[in-house]
């Protein structure tokens, strides 16, 4: 028995195994661009608040620039609708009025007069408007009210 045959590594070595990493595509390396302060300021103004990288990518590739979205995830149009809703809530005092009406109904002291009916109809109209604004601010389409 010869020991030199037992240590022959070329004959005994299994074929190399390719790992899955070699098959995966590597992500492209980042692309850097140096700009003068004036150039960057001009691009930021053109981007109108959108992230500069997103704006540049859209402009370079001919894609539409996405709508501006804040970190909260609420677009400018949605923020306007929410501001209108908050203003309406402050002006209408609808929650205070509803609480007073509920208290009067529970104690049995709510007279049914034309003024009461008008106040209830106005409260209902205010709630419909608030609901429509909320749905719009959430990106949903409010249905028509009767």
N, C-alpha and C. Protein backbone atom coordinates (compact mmCIF):
# COMPACT_ATOMS: atom_id res chain seq x y z
N UNK A 1 0.83 -1.16 0.00
CA UNK A 1 0.00 0.00 0.00
C UNK A 1 0.88 1.23 0.00
N UNK A 2 0.59 2.16 -0.88
CA UNK A 2 1.41 3.34 -1.04
C UNK A 2 0.71 4.53 -0.44
N UNK A 3 1.45 5.32 0.32
CA UNK A 3 0.89 6.53 0.93
C UNK A 3 0.80 7.68 -0.06
N UNK A 4 1.58 7.70 -1.08
CA UNK A 4 1.55 8.83 -2.01
C UNK A 4 0.21 8.89 -2.75
N UNK A 5 -0.44 7.78 -3.02
CA UNK A 5 -1.74 7.78 -3.69
C UNK A 5 -2.84 8.32 -2.81
N UNK A 6 -2.73 8.14 -1.48
CA UNK A 6 -3.75 8.60 -0.55
C UNK A 6 -3.75 10.11 -0.42
N UNK A 7 -2.61 10.75 -0.69
CA UNK A 7 -2.50 12.20 -0.54
C UNK A 7 -2.56 12.95 -1.87
N UNK A 8 -2.98 12.30 -2.91
CA UNK A 8 -3.11 12.95 -4.20
C UNK A 8 -4.39 13.78 -4.18
N UNK A 9 -4.27 15.11 -4.01
CA UNK A 9 -5.42 15.98 -3.81
C UNK A 9 -6.22 16.22 -5.08
N UNK A 10 -5.59 16.17 -6.23
CA UNK A 10 -6.32 16.43 -7.45
C UNK A 10 -7.29 15.31 -7.78
N UNK A 11 -6.92 14.11 -7.47
CA UNK A 11 -7.79 12.99 -7.78
C UNK A 11 -8.93 12.90 -6.79
N UNK A 12 -8.72 13.27 -5.53
CA UNK A 12 -9.72 13.08 -4.50
C UNK A 12 -10.60 14.31 -4.26
N UNK A 13 -10.26 15.49 -4.78
CA UNK A 13 -11.02 16.71 -4.48
C UNK A 13 -12.34 16.72 -5.25
N UNK A 14 -13.45 17.03 -4.54
CA UNK A 14 -14.74 17.12 -5.24
C UNK A 14 -14.77 18.41 -6.07
N UNK A 15 -15.64 18.45 -7.06
CA UNK A 15 -15.72 19.67 -7.87
C UNK A 15 -16.21 20.85 -7.02
N UNK A 16 -15.76 22.06 -7.33
CA UNK A 16 -16.18 23.21 -6.51
C UNK A 16 -17.68 23.46 -6.65
N UNK A 17 -18.29 23.85 -5.54
CA UNK A 17 -19.73 24.12 -5.52
C UNK A 17 -19.93 25.62 -5.68
N UNK A 18 -20.78 25.99 -6.63
CA UNK A 18 -21.09 27.41 -6.81
C UNK A 18 -22.16 27.82 -5.81
N UNK A 19 -21.93 28.94 -5.18
CA UNK A 19 -22.91 29.39 -4.18
C UNK A 19 -24.04 30.15 -4.87
N UNK A 20 -25.12 30.33 -4.14
CA UNK A 20 -26.27 31.09 -4.65
C UNK A 20 -25.92 32.57 -4.83
N UNK A 21 -24.94 33.04 -4.08
CA UNK A 21 -24.56 34.45 -4.17
C UNK A 21 -24.03 34.80 -5.55
N UNK A 22 -23.37 33.85 -6.19
CA UNK A 22 -22.84 34.12 -7.52
C UNK A 22 -23.97 34.27 -8.53
N UNK A 23 -25.09 33.63 -8.30
CA UNK A 23 -26.22 33.70 -9.22
C UNK A 23 -27.01 34.99 -9.06
N UNK A 24 -27.03 35.58 -7.86
CA UNK A 24 -27.79 36.80 -7.60
C UNK A 24 -27.13 37.99 -8.29
N UNK A 25 -27.97 38.84 -8.80
CA UNK A 25 -27.45 40.06 -9.42
C UNK A 25 -27.13 41.07 -8.33
N UNK A 26 -26.02 41.71 -8.46
CA UNK A 26 -25.64 42.72 -7.48
C UNK A 26 -26.37 44.01 -7.81
N UNK A 27 -26.82 44.73 -6.78
CA UNK A 27 -27.47 46.01 -7.07
C UNK A 27 -26.46 46.97 -7.67
N UNK A 28 -26.93 47.86 -8.51
CA UNK A 28 -26.00 48.80 -9.12
C UNK A 28 -25.42 49.73 -8.06
N UNK A 29 -24.21 50.15 -8.31
CA UNK A 29 -23.58 51.05 -7.35
C UNK A 29 -24.23 52.42 -7.45
N UNK A 30 -24.23 53.19 -6.36
CA UNK A 30 -24.85 54.51 -6.38
C UNK A 30 -24.14 55.42 -7.39
N UNK A 31 -24.90 56.36 -7.91
CA UNK A 31 -24.36 57.33 -8.84
C UNK A 31 -24.28 58.67 -8.13
N UNK A 32 -23.14 59.28 -8.15
CA UNK A 32 -22.96 60.57 -7.48
C UNK A 32 -22.86 61.68 -8.51
N UNK A 33 -23.30 62.85 -8.10
CA UNK A 33 -23.26 64.01 -8.97
C UNK A 33 -22.95 65.21 -8.11
N UNK A 34 -21.89 65.90 -8.46
CA UNK A 34 -21.53 67.12 -7.73
C UNK A 34 -22.19 68.31 -8.40
N UNK A 35 -22.81 69.13 -7.59
CA UNK A 35 -23.49 70.33 -8.09
C UNK A 35 -22.97 71.55 -7.35
N UNK A 36 -23.00 72.67 -8.04
CA UNK A 36 -22.72 73.94 -7.37
C UNK A 36 -23.93 74.28 -6.50
N UNK A 37 -23.72 75.14 -5.54
CA UNK A 37 -24.81 75.51 -4.62
C UNK A 37 -25.98 76.12 -5.39
N UNK A 38 -25.68 76.95 -6.40
CA UNK A 38 -26.75 77.57 -7.18
C UNK A 38 -27.53 76.52 -7.98
N UNK A 39 -26.82 75.53 -8.53
CA UNK A 39 -27.48 74.48 -9.31
C UNK A 39 -28.40 73.64 -8.43
N UNK A 40 -27.88 73.31 -7.26
CA UNK A 40 -28.70 72.51 -6.33
C UNK A 40 -29.93 73.28 -5.87
N UNK A 41 -29.76 74.57 -5.60
CA UNK A 41 -30.89 75.40 -5.17
C UNK A 41 -31.94 75.49 -6.28
N UNK A 42 -31.48 75.63 -7.54
CA UNK A 42 -32.43 75.70 -8.66
C UNK A 42 -33.19 74.39 -8.81
N UNK A 43 -32.48 73.26 -8.68
CA UNK A 43 -33.15 71.96 -8.79
C UNK A 43 -34.13 71.74 -7.64
N UNK A 44 -33.75 72.17 -6.44
CA UNK A 44 -34.64 72.03 -5.29
C UNK A 44 -35.90 72.86 -5.49
N UNK A 45 -35.75 74.05 -6.08
CA UNK A 45 -36.93 74.89 -6.34
C UNK A 45 -37.81 74.23 -7.40
N UNK A 46 -37.21 73.64 -8.43
CA UNK A 46 -37.98 72.96 -9.47
C UNK A 46 -38.70 71.73 -8.91
N UNK A 47 -38.06 71.07 -7.94
CA UNK A 47 -38.65 69.86 -7.36
C UNK A 47 -39.88 70.19 -6.52
N UNK A 48 -40.00 71.43 -6.09
CA UNK A 48 -41.16 71.90 -5.32
C UNK A 48 -41.44 71.02 -4.10
N UNK A 49 -40.40 70.69 -3.36
CA UNK A 49 -40.59 69.93 -2.12
C UNK A 49 -40.47 68.44 -2.26
N UNK A 50 -40.47 67.92 -3.48
CA UNK A 50 -40.29 66.48 -3.67
C UNK A 50 -38.83 66.15 -3.34
N UNK A 51 -38.55 64.93 -2.92
CA UNK A 51 -37.15 64.57 -2.67
C UNK A 51 -36.33 64.79 -3.94
N UNK A 52 -35.14 65.38 -3.78
CA UNK A 52 -34.33 65.75 -4.92
C UNK A 52 -33.94 64.54 -5.76
N UNK A 53 -33.60 63.42 -5.13
CA UNK A 53 -33.25 62.21 -5.87
C UNK A 53 -34.42 61.70 -6.70
N UNK A 54 -35.61 61.74 -6.15
CA UNK A 54 -36.80 61.30 -6.87
C UNK A 54 -37.07 62.22 -8.05
N UNK A 55 -36.93 63.52 -7.82
CA UNK A 55 -37.15 64.49 -8.89
C UNK A 55 -36.15 64.29 -10.02
N UNK A 56 -34.86 64.15 -9.69
CA UNK A 56 -33.82 63.97 -10.71
C UNK A 56 -34.04 62.68 -11.50
N UNK A 57 -34.38 61.61 -10.80
CA UNK A 57 -34.61 60.32 -11.48
C UNK A 57 -35.77 60.45 -12.47
N UNK A 58 -36.83 61.11 -12.05
CA UNK A 58 -37.99 61.28 -12.93
C UNK A 58 -37.63 62.14 -14.14
N UNK A 59 -36.89 63.22 -13.93
CA UNK A 59 -36.52 64.09 -15.03
C UNK A 59 -35.56 63.40 -15.99
N UNK A 60 -34.59 62.67 -15.48
CA UNK A 60 -33.60 62.00 -16.34
C UNK A 60 -34.22 60.88 -17.16
N UNK A 61 -35.15 60.16 -16.57
CA UNK A 61 -35.73 58.99 -17.25
C UNK A 61 -37.03 59.33 -17.97
N UNK A 62 -37.45 60.58 -17.93
CA UNK A 62 -38.65 60.99 -18.64
C UNK A 62 -39.94 60.54 -17.99
N UNK A 63 -39.89 60.19 -16.74
CA UNK A 63 -41.09 59.76 -16.02
C UNK A 63 -41.75 60.98 -15.39
N UNK A 64 -43.05 60.89 -15.09
CA UNK A 64 -43.69 62.01 -14.40
C UNK A 64 -43.18 62.12 -12.97
N UNK A 65 -43.07 63.35 -12.52
CA UNK A 65 -42.62 63.58 -11.14
C UNK A 65 -43.77 63.23 -10.22
N UNK A 66 -43.56 62.34 -9.23
CA UNK A 66 -44.66 61.96 -8.34
C UNK A 66 -45.13 63.14 -7.51
N UNK A 67 -46.39 63.07 -7.10
CA UNK A 67 -46.96 64.13 -6.26
C UNK A 67 -46.18 64.21 -4.96
N UNK A 68 -46.07 65.41 -4.46
CA UNK A 68 -45.33 65.62 -3.22
C UNK A 68 -46.07 64.98 -2.06
N UNK A 69 -45.34 64.19 -1.29
CA UNK A 69 -45.91 63.54 -0.12
C UNK A 69 -44.99 63.82 1.06
N UNK A 70 -45.57 64.24 2.13
CA UNK A 70 -44.77 64.52 3.32
C UNK A 70 -44.43 63.22 4.05
N UNK A 71 -43.55 63.33 5.03
CA UNK A 71 -43.13 62.15 5.78
C UNK A 71 -44.30 61.49 6.49
N UNK A 72 -45.32 62.26 6.79
CA UNK A 72 -46.49 61.69 7.45
C UNK A 72 -47.32 60.85 6.49
N UNK A 73 -47.00 60.92 5.19
CA UNK A 73 -47.75 60.16 4.20
C UNK A 73 -48.98 60.87 3.69
N UNK A 74 -49.19 62.11 4.12
CA UNK A 74 -50.36 62.86 3.72
C UNK A 74 -49.93 63.91 2.70
N UNK A 75 -50.55 63.90 1.53
CA UNK A 75 -50.19 64.85 0.49
C UNK A 75 -50.68 66.25 0.87
N UNK A 76 -50.20 67.23 0.11
CA UNK A 76 -50.57 68.62 0.37
C UNK A 76 -52.08 68.81 0.22
N UNK A 77 -52.67 68.21 -0.82
CA UNK A 77 -54.12 68.34 -1.02
C UNK A 77 -54.88 67.73 0.15
N UNK A 78 -54.41 66.60 0.66
CA UNK A 78 -55.07 65.98 1.81
C UNK A 78 -54.91 66.84 3.05
N UNK A 79 -53.76 67.47 3.20
CA UNK A 79 -53.56 68.33 4.36
C UNK A 79 -54.52 69.53 4.30
N UNK A 80 -54.76 70.05 3.09
CA UNK A 80 -55.71 71.15 2.93
C UNK A 80 -57.11 70.70 3.33
N UNK A 81 -57.51 69.52 2.87
CA UNK A 81 -58.83 69.00 3.20
C UNK A 81 -58.97 68.79 4.71
N UNK A 82 -57.92 68.28 5.35
CA UNK A 82 -57.97 68.09 6.80
C UNK A 82 -58.04 69.43 7.53
N UNK A 83 -57.34 70.44 7.02
CA UNK A 83 -57.41 71.76 7.64
C UNK A 83 -58.82 72.34 7.52
N UNK A 84 -59.46 72.13 6.36
CA UNK A 84 -60.85 72.57 6.20
C UNK A 84 -61.76 71.86 7.19
N UNK A 85 -61.52 70.57 7.38
CA UNK A 85 -62.32 69.80 8.32
C UNK A 85 -62.18 70.33 9.74
N UNK A 86 -60.96 70.61 10.15
CA UNK A 86 -60.73 71.11 11.50
C UNK A 86 -61.38 72.48 11.68
N UNK A 87 -61.27 73.33 10.65
CA UNK A 87 -61.92 74.65 10.72
C UNK A 87 -63.42 74.50 10.82
N UNK A 88 -63.98 73.59 10.05
CA UNK A 88 -65.43 73.37 10.09
C UNK A 88 -65.86 72.86 11.47
N UNK A 89 -65.10 71.97 12.03
CA UNK A 89 -65.43 71.46 13.37
C UNK A 89 -65.42 72.58 14.40
N UNK A 90 -64.43 73.46 14.30
CA UNK A 90 -64.35 74.57 15.24
C UNK A 90 -65.49 75.55 15.10
N UNK A 91 -65.91 75.81 13.86
CA UNK A 91 -66.99 76.77 13.62
C UNK A 91 -68.35 76.22 13.98
N UNK A 92 -68.58 74.95 13.72
CA UNK A 92 -69.93 74.41 13.81
C UNK A 92 -70.38 74.11 15.24
N UNK A 93 -69.47 73.83 16.13
CA UNK A 93 -69.80 73.42 17.50
C UNK A 93 -70.77 72.24 17.49
N UNK A 94 -70.69 71.43 16.45
CA UNK A 94 -71.65 70.34 16.27
C UNK A 94 -71.59 69.32 17.41
N UNK A 95 -70.40 69.04 17.91
CA UNK A 95 -70.31 68.03 18.97
C UNK A 95 -70.91 68.53 20.28
N UNK A 96 -70.70 69.80 20.57
CA UNK A 96 -71.31 70.38 21.76
C UNK A 96 -72.83 70.39 21.63
N UNK A 97 -73.30 70.77 20.45
CA UNK A 97 -74.74 70.81 20.22
C UNK A 97 -75.36 69.41 20.30
N UNK A 98 -74.71 68.44 19.73
CA UNK A 98 -75.23 67.07 19.79
C UNK A 98 -75.27 66.55 21.22
N UNK A 99 -74.25 66.90 21.99
CA UNK A 99 -74.23 66.48 23.39
C UNK A 99 -75.40 67.11 24.16
N UNK A 100 -75.66 68.38 23.90
CA UNK A 100 -76.79 69.05 24.57
C UNK A 100 -78.12 68.43 24.15
N UNK A 101 -78.24 68.12 22.84
CA UNK A 101 -79.48 67.49 22.36
C UNK A 101 -79.66 66.10 22.97
N UNK A 102 -78.59 65.34 23.06
CA UNK A 102 -78.69 64.00 23.65
C UNK A 102 -79.09 64.10 25.12
N UNK A 103 -78.51 65.06 25.84
CA UNK A 103 -78.86 65.23 27.25
C UNK A 103 -80.34 65.60 27.39
N UNK A 104 -80.81 66.52 26.54
CA UNK A 104 -82.22 66.94 26.61
C UNK A 104 -83.14 65.78 26.24
N UNK A 105 -82.75 64.98 25.27
CA UNK A 105 -83.58 63.82 24.88
C UNK A 105 -83.62 62.80 26.00
N UNK A 106 -82.50 62.57 26.69
CA UNK A 106 -82.45 61.59 27.78
C UNK A 106 -83.28 62.04 28.99
N UNK A 107 -83.36 63.33 29.21
CA UNK A 107 -84.14 63.82 30.35
C UNK A 107 -85.60 64.07 29.99
N UNK A 108 -85.93 63.96 28.70
CA UNK A 108 -87.30 64.16 28.27
C UNK A 108 -87.68 65.62 28.12
N UNK A 109 -86.72 66.50 28.11
CA UNK A 109 -87.03 67.93 28.04
C UNK A 109 -86.77 68.53 26.65
N UNK A 110 -86.74 67.71 25.61
CA UNK A 110 -86.49 68.19 24.26
C UNK A 110 -87.82 68.48 23.56
N UNK A 111 -88.18 69.74 23.44
CA UNK A 111 -89.44 70.05 22.75
C UNK A 111 -89.25 69.92 21.24
N UNK A 112 -90.26 69.38 20.58
CA UNK A 112 -90.20 69.22 19.13
C UNK A 112 -90.87 70.44 18.51
N UNK A 113 -90.06 71.39 18.12
CA UNK A 113 -90.54 72.62 17.49
C UNK A 113 -89.87 72.76 16.13
N UNK A 114 -90.35 73.67 15.30
CA UNK A 114 -89.67 73.89 14.01
C UNK A 114 -88.20 74.30 14.19
N UNK A 115 -87.90 75.04 15.25
CA UNK A 115 -86.50 75.43 15.52
C UNK A 115 -85.65 74.21 15.84
N UNK A 116 -86.21 73.29 16.63
CA UNK A 116 -85.49 72.06 16.97
C UNK A 116 -85.24 71.24 15.73
N UNK A 117 -86.25 71.11 14.91
CA UNK A 117 -86.09 70.35 13.67
C UNK A 117 -85.05 71.00 12.75
N UNK A 118 -85.05 72.32 12.69
CA UNK A 118 -84.06 73.03 11.85
C UNK A 118 -82.65 72.82 12.40
N UNK A 119 -82.52 72.86 13.73
CA UNK A 119 -81.20 72.65 14.33
C UNK A 119 -80.70 71.23 14.07
N UNK A 120 -81.60 70.25 14.19
CA UNK A 120 -81.21 68.87 13.91
C UNK A 120 -80.84 68.68 12.44
N UNK A 121 -81.59 69.31 11.55
CA UNK A 121 -81.28 69.21 10.12
C UNK A 121 -79.93 69.85 9.81
N UNK A 122 -79.64 71.00 10.47
CA UNK A 122 -78.34 71.65 10.26
C UNK A 122 -77.20 70.79 10.80
N UNK A 123 -77.41 70.18 11.96
CA UNK A 123 -76.38 69.30 12.53
C UNK A 123 -76.12 68.11 11.62
N UNK A 124 -77.18 67.56 11.05
CA UNK A 124 -77.03 66.45 10.12
C UNK A 124 -76.27 66.87 8.87
N UNK A 125 -76.59 68.05 8.34
CA UNK A 125 -75.89 68.56 7.16
C UNK A 125 -74.41 68.79 7.46
N UNK A 126 -74.12 69.33 8.65
CA UNK A 126 -72.72 69.54 9.05
C UNK A 126 -71.97 68.21 9.14
N UNK A 127 -72.63 67.21 9.72
CA UNK A 127 -71.98 65.89 9.83
C UNK A 127 -71.73 65.27 8.47
N UNK A 128 -72.66 65.45 7.53
CA UNK A 128 -72.46 64.94 6.17
C UNK A 128 -71.26 65.63 5.51
N UNK A 129 -71.14 66.94 5.72
CA UNK A 129 -70.01 67.67 5.14
C UNK A 129 -68.69 67.22 5.77
N UNK A 130 -68.70 67.03 7.07
CA UNK A 130 -67.50 66.55 7.77
C UNK A 130 -67.10 65.17 7.27
N UNK A 131 -68.07 64.31 7.10
CA UNK A 131 -67.81 62.95 6.61
C UNK A 131 -67.22 62.99 5.20
N UNK A 132 -67.79 63.83 4.34
CA UNK A 132 -67.29 63.94 2.97
C UNK A 132 -65.85 64.45 2.95
N UNK A 133 -65.55 65.46 3.78
CA UNK A 133 -64.18 65.97 3.85
C UNK A 133 -63.22 64.93 4.38
N UNK A 134 -63.65 64.17 5.38
CA UNK A 134 -62.80 63.11 5.91
C UNK A 134 -62.50 62.06 4.86
N UNK A 135 -63.52 61.62 4.15
CA UNK A 135 -63.32 60.62 3.10
C UNK A 135 -62.40 61.15 2.01
N UNK A 136 -62.57 62.41 1.63
CA UNK A 136 -61.71 63.01 0.62
C UNK A 136 -60.27 63.07 1.11
N UNK A 137 -60.07 63.46 2.36
CA UNK A 137 -58.72 63.56 2.90
C UNK A 137 -58.03 62.21 2.99
N UNK A 138 -58.80 61.15 3.09
CA UNK A 138 -58.23 59.81 3.14
C UNK A 138 -58.09 59.19 1.76
N UNK A 139 -58.43 59.95 0.74
CA UNK A 139 -58.29 59.46 -0.62
C UNK A 139 -59.45 58.62 -1.10
N UNK A 140 -60.56 58.67 -0.40
CA UNK A 140 -61.75 57.91 -0.79
C UNK A 140 -62.75 58.85 -1.43
N UNK A 141 -63.62 58.29 -2.26
CA UNK A 141 -64.62 59.12 -2.93
C UNK A 141 -65.91 59.08 -2.13
N UNK A 142 -66.35 60.24 -1.63
CA UNK A 142 -67.61 60.23 -0.86
C UNK A 142 -68.80 60.03 -1.81
N UNK A 143 -69.77 59.27 -1.34
CA UNK A 143 -70.96 59.06 -2.16
C UNK A 143 -71.90 60.25 -1.98
N UNK A 144 -72.80 60.42 -2.94
CA UNK A 144 -73.75 61.54 -2.90
C UNK A 144 -74.74 61.33 -1.75
N UNK A 145 -75.03 62.42 -1.05
CA UNK A 145 -75.98 62.36 0.07
C UNK A 145 -77.36 62.73 -0.44
N UNK A 146 -78.43 62.11 0.10
CA UNK A 146 -79.80 62.41 -0.35
C UNK A 146 -80.24 63.80 0.06
